[in-house]
Amino acid sequence: MISFTGHFGFIDSGGEHVYFIAGDAANIRRGDDVRFNMATVDGRPRAVDVRVVDPVVAEEVDRVLGT
């Protein structure tokens, strides 16, 4: 995540900045590693279901799924 104001924020996703609102994020802080799903809201892409990811868990999931 690159910024979060408490009301909305942006996630760096492969060089693109993806918008999200606080209601779609749970217990996140600036600098946290996050995973999210994408949705189109009002004709624009937005991150939803934004959640903090434990780096060890993310590494294991990526290893098992080959991503």
N, C-alpha and C. Protein backbone atom coordinates (compact mmCIF):
# COMPACT_ATOMS: atom_id res chain seq x y z
N MET A 1 0.85 -1.17 0.00
CA MET A 1 0.00 0.00 0.00
C MET A 1 0.90 1.23 0.00
N ILE A 2 0.55 2.23 -0.78
CA ILE A 2 1.41 3.41 -0.83
C ILE A 2 0.89 4.58 -0.01
N SER A 3 -0.43 4.67 0.19
CA SER A 3 -0.94 5.74 1.04
C SER A 3 -2.33 5.38 1.55
N PHE A 4 -2.65 5.93 2.73
CA PHE A 4 -3.96 5.72 3.33
C PHE A 4 -4.26 6.89 4.24
N THR A 5 -5.35 7.59 3.98
CA THR A 5 -5.69 8.78 4.76
C THR A 5 -6.59 8.47 5.94
N GLY A 6 -7.12 7.26 6.02
CA GLY A 6 -8.12 6.93 7.02
C GLY A 6 -9.50 6.85 6.40
N HIS A 7 -9.69 7.53 5.26
CA HIS A 7 -10.95 7.49 4.52
C HIS A 7 -10.80 6.76 3.19
N PHE A 8 -9.66 6.91 2.55
CA PHE A 8 -9.38 6.24 1.29
C PHE A 8 -7.88 6.10 1.13
N GLY A 9 -7.47 5.32 0.13
CA GLY A 9 -6.05 5.14 -0.10
C GLY A 9 -5.78 4.59 -1.48
N PHE A 10 -4.49 4.36 -1.73
CA PHE A 10 -4.06 3.80 -3.00
C PHE A 10 -3.07 2.68 -2.74
N ILE A 11 -3.15 1.64 -3.55
CA ILE A 11 -2.27 0.49 -3.47
C ILE A 11 -1.45 0.47 -4.75
N ASP A 12 -0.15 0.26 -4.62
CA ASP A 12 0.70 0.09 -5.79
C ASP A 12 0.56 -1.34 -6.25
N SER A 13 -0.05 -1.52 -7.41
CA SER A 13 -0.29 -2.86 -7.95
C SER A 13 0.38 -2.96 -9.31
N GLY A 14 1.60 -3.43 -9.32
CA GLY A 14 2.32 -3.58 -10.57
C GLY A 14 2.55 -2.28 -11.29
N GLY A 15 2.81 -1.21 -10.55
CA GLY A 15 3.07 0.09 -11.15
C GLY A 15 1.83 0.94 -11.32
N GLU A 16 0.65 0.39 -11.12
CA GLU A 16 -0.59 1.15 -11.18
C GLU A 16 -1.07 1.44 -9.76
N HIS A 17 -1.68 2.59 -9.57
CA HIS A 17 -2.22 2.95 -8.27
C HIS A 17 -3.71 2.63 -8.25
N VAL A 18 -4.08 1.67 -7.41
CA VAL A 18 -5.46 1.20 -7.32
C VAL A 18 -6.11 1.85 -6.11
N TYR A 19 -7.26 2.47 -6.32
CA TYR A 19 -8.01 3.19 -5.30
C TYR A 19 -8.80 2.22 -4.42
N PHE A 20 -8.92 2.56 -3.12
CA PHE A 20 -9.82 1.83 -2.23
C PHE A 20 -10.38 2.78 -1.19
N ILE A 21 -11.52 2.43 -0.60
CA ILE A 21 -12.08 3.22 0.47
C ILE A 21 -11.94 2.46 1.79
N ALA A 22 -11.98 3.19 2.89
CA ALA A 22 -11.75 2.58 4.21
C ALA A 22 -12.72 1.45 4.51
N GLY A 23 -13.96 1.56 4.05
CA GLY A 23 -14.95 0.52 4.30
C GLY A 23 -14.60 -0.82 3.67
N ASP A 24 -13.71 -0.80 2.67
CA ASP A 24 -13.29 -2.04 2.00
C ASP A 24 -12.00 -2.60 2.59
N ALA A 25 -11.47 -1.94 3.62
CA ALA A 25 -10.19 -2.35 4.21
C ALA A 25 -10.37 -2.56 5.71
N ALA A 26 -9.73 -3.59 6.23
CA ALA A 26 -9.84 -3.89 7.65
C ALA A 26 -8.47 -3.85 8.31
N ASN A 27 -8.32 -2.99 9.32
CA ASN A 27 -7.11 -2.95 10.15
C ASN A 27 -5.82 -2.81 9.36
N ILE A 28 -5.79 -1.87 8.43
CA ILE A 28 -4.56 -1.68 7.67
C ILE A 28 -3.89 -0.36 8.05
N ARG A 29 -2.59 -0.35 7.88
CA ARG A 29 -1.80 0.86 8.13
C ARG A 29 -0.88 1.09 6.95
N ARG A 30 -0.46 2.32 6.80
CA ARG A 30 0.44 2.67 5.70
C ARG A 30 1.67 1.77 5.74
N GLY A 31 2.03 1.23 4.60
CA GLY A 31 3.20 0.38 4.50
C GLY A 31 2.92 -1.10 4.63
N ASP A 32 1.69 -1.47 5.05
CA ASP A 32 1.35 -2.89 5.16
C ASP A 32 1.33 -3.56 3.79
N ASP A 33 1.74 -4.82 3.74
CA ASP A 33 1.55 -5.62 2.54
C ASP A 33 0.11 -6.09 2.54
N VAL A 34 -0.58 -5.92 1.42
CA VAL A 34 -1.99 -6.27 1.37
C VAL A 34 -2.31 -7.12 0.15
N ARG A 35 -3.39 -7.83 0.22
CA ARG A 35 -4.00 -8.55 -0.90
C ARG A 35 -5.39 -7.96 -1.04
N PHE A 36 -5.96 -8.06 -2.24
CA PHE A 36 -7.27 -7.48 -2.47
C PHE A 36 -7.90 -8.10 -3.70
N ASN A 37 -9.19 -7.89 -3.84
CA ASN A 37 -9.92 -8.27 -5.03
C ASN A 37 -10.25 -6.98 -5.79
N MET A 38 -10.52 -7.12 -7.09
CA MET A 38 -10.85 -5.95 -7.90
C MET A 38 -12.34 -5.95 -8.23
N ALA A 39 -12.91 -4.76 -8.27
CA ALA A 39 -14.30 -4.58 -8.67
C ALA A 39 -14.38 -3.30 -9.49
N THR A 40 -15.42 -3.18 -10.27
CA THR A 40 -15.66 -1.94 -11.00
C THR A 40 -16.81 -1.23 -10.32
N VAL A 41 -16.52 -0.04 -9.80
CA VAL A 41 -17.52 0.75 -9.09
C VAL A 41 -17.62 2.09 -9.80
N ASP A 42 -18.81 2.47 -10.18
CA ASP A 42 -19.03 3.72 -10.91
C ASP A 42 -18.19 3.80 -12.17
N GLY A 43 -17.97 2.65 -12.81
CA GLY A 43 -17.22 2.62 -14.06
C GLY A 43 -15.71 2.66 -13.91
N ARG A 44 -15.21 2.68 -12.67
CA ARG A 44 -13.77 2.73 -12.44
C ARG A 44 -13.34 1.53 -11.60
N PRO A 45 -12.13 1.02 -11.85
CA PRO A 45 -11.65 -0.11 -11.03
C PRO A 45 -11.36 0.34 -9.61
N ARG A 46 -11.65 -0.55 -8.66
CA ARG A 46 -11.40 -0.25 -7.25
C ARG A 46 -11.03 -1.53 -6.52
N ALA A 47 -10.12 -1.43 -5.57
CA ALA A 47 -9.76 -2.56 -4.73
C ALA A 47 -10.84 -2.75 -3.66
N VAL A 48 -11.28 -3.98 -3.48
CA VAL A 48 -12.25 -4.31 -2.44
C VAL A 48 -11.70 -5.50 -1.64
N ASP A 49 -12.25 -5.71 -0.46
CA ASP A 49 -11.80 -6.80 0.41
C ASP A 49 -10.29 -6.71 0.61
N VAL A 50 -9.83 -5.50 0.97
CA VAL A 50 -8.40 -5.26 1.19
C VAL A 50 -8.04 -5.80 2.57
N ARG A 51 -7.00 -6.63 2.62
CA ARG A 51 -6.62 -7.25 3.90
C ARG A 51 -5.09 -7.34 4.00
N VAL A 52 -4.63 -7.22 5.24
CA VAL A 52 -3.19 -7.34 5.52
C VAL A 52 -2.78 -8.79 5.39
N VAL A 53 -1.60 -9.00 4.82
CA VAL A 53 -1.11 -10.35 4.61
C VAL A 53 0.19 -10.54 5.38
N ASP A 54 0.24 -11.62 6.12
CA ASP A 54 1.47 -12.02 6.79
C ASP A 54 2.45 -12.46 5.71
N PRO A 55 3.64 -11.86 5.63
CA PRO A 55 4.58 -12.19 4.56
C PRO A 55 4.94 -13.67 4.48
N VAL A 56 5.03 -14.34 5.62
CA VAL A 56 5.36 -15.77 5.62
C VAL A 56 4.24 -16.57 4.98
N VAL A 57 3.01 -16.24 5.32
CA VAL A 57 1.85 -16.94 4.76
C VAL A 57 1.77 -16.66 3.26
N ALA A 58 1.95 -15.41 2.85
CA ALA A 58 1.89 -15.06 1.43
C ALA A 58 2.94 -15.81 0.63
N GLU A 59 4.15 -15.92 1.17
CA GLU A 59 5.22 -16.64 0.48
C GLU A 59 4.86 -18.11 0.30
N GLU A 60 4.28 -18.72 1.34
CA GLU A 60 3.91 -20.14 1.25
C GLU A 60 2.77 -20.34 0.24
N VAL A 61 1.77 -19.46 0.26
CA VAL A 61 0.67 -19.57 -0.70
C VAL A 61 1.20 -19.43 -2.12
N ASP A 62 2.05 -18.44 -2.35
CA ASP A 62 2.64 -18.25 -3.68
C ASP A 62 3.44 -19.47 -4.12
N ARG A 63 4.18 -20.08 -3.18
CA ARG A 63 4.98 -21.26 -3.50
C ARG A 63 4.08 -22.43 -3.89
N VAL A 64 3.01 -22.65 -3.10
CA VAL A 64 2.13 -23.78 -3.35
C VAL A 64 1.34 -23.58 -4.64
N LEU A 65 0.86 -22.37 -4.88
CA LEU A 65 0.06 -22.10 -6.08
C LEU A 65 0.90 -21.80 -7.31
N GLY A 66 2.18 -21.58 -7.09
CA GLY A 66 3.06 -21.31 -8.23
C GLY A 66 2.88 -19.93 -8.82
N THR A 67 2.47 -18.97 -8.00
CA THR A 67 2.27 -17.61 -8.50
C THR A 67 3.43 -16.71 -8.15
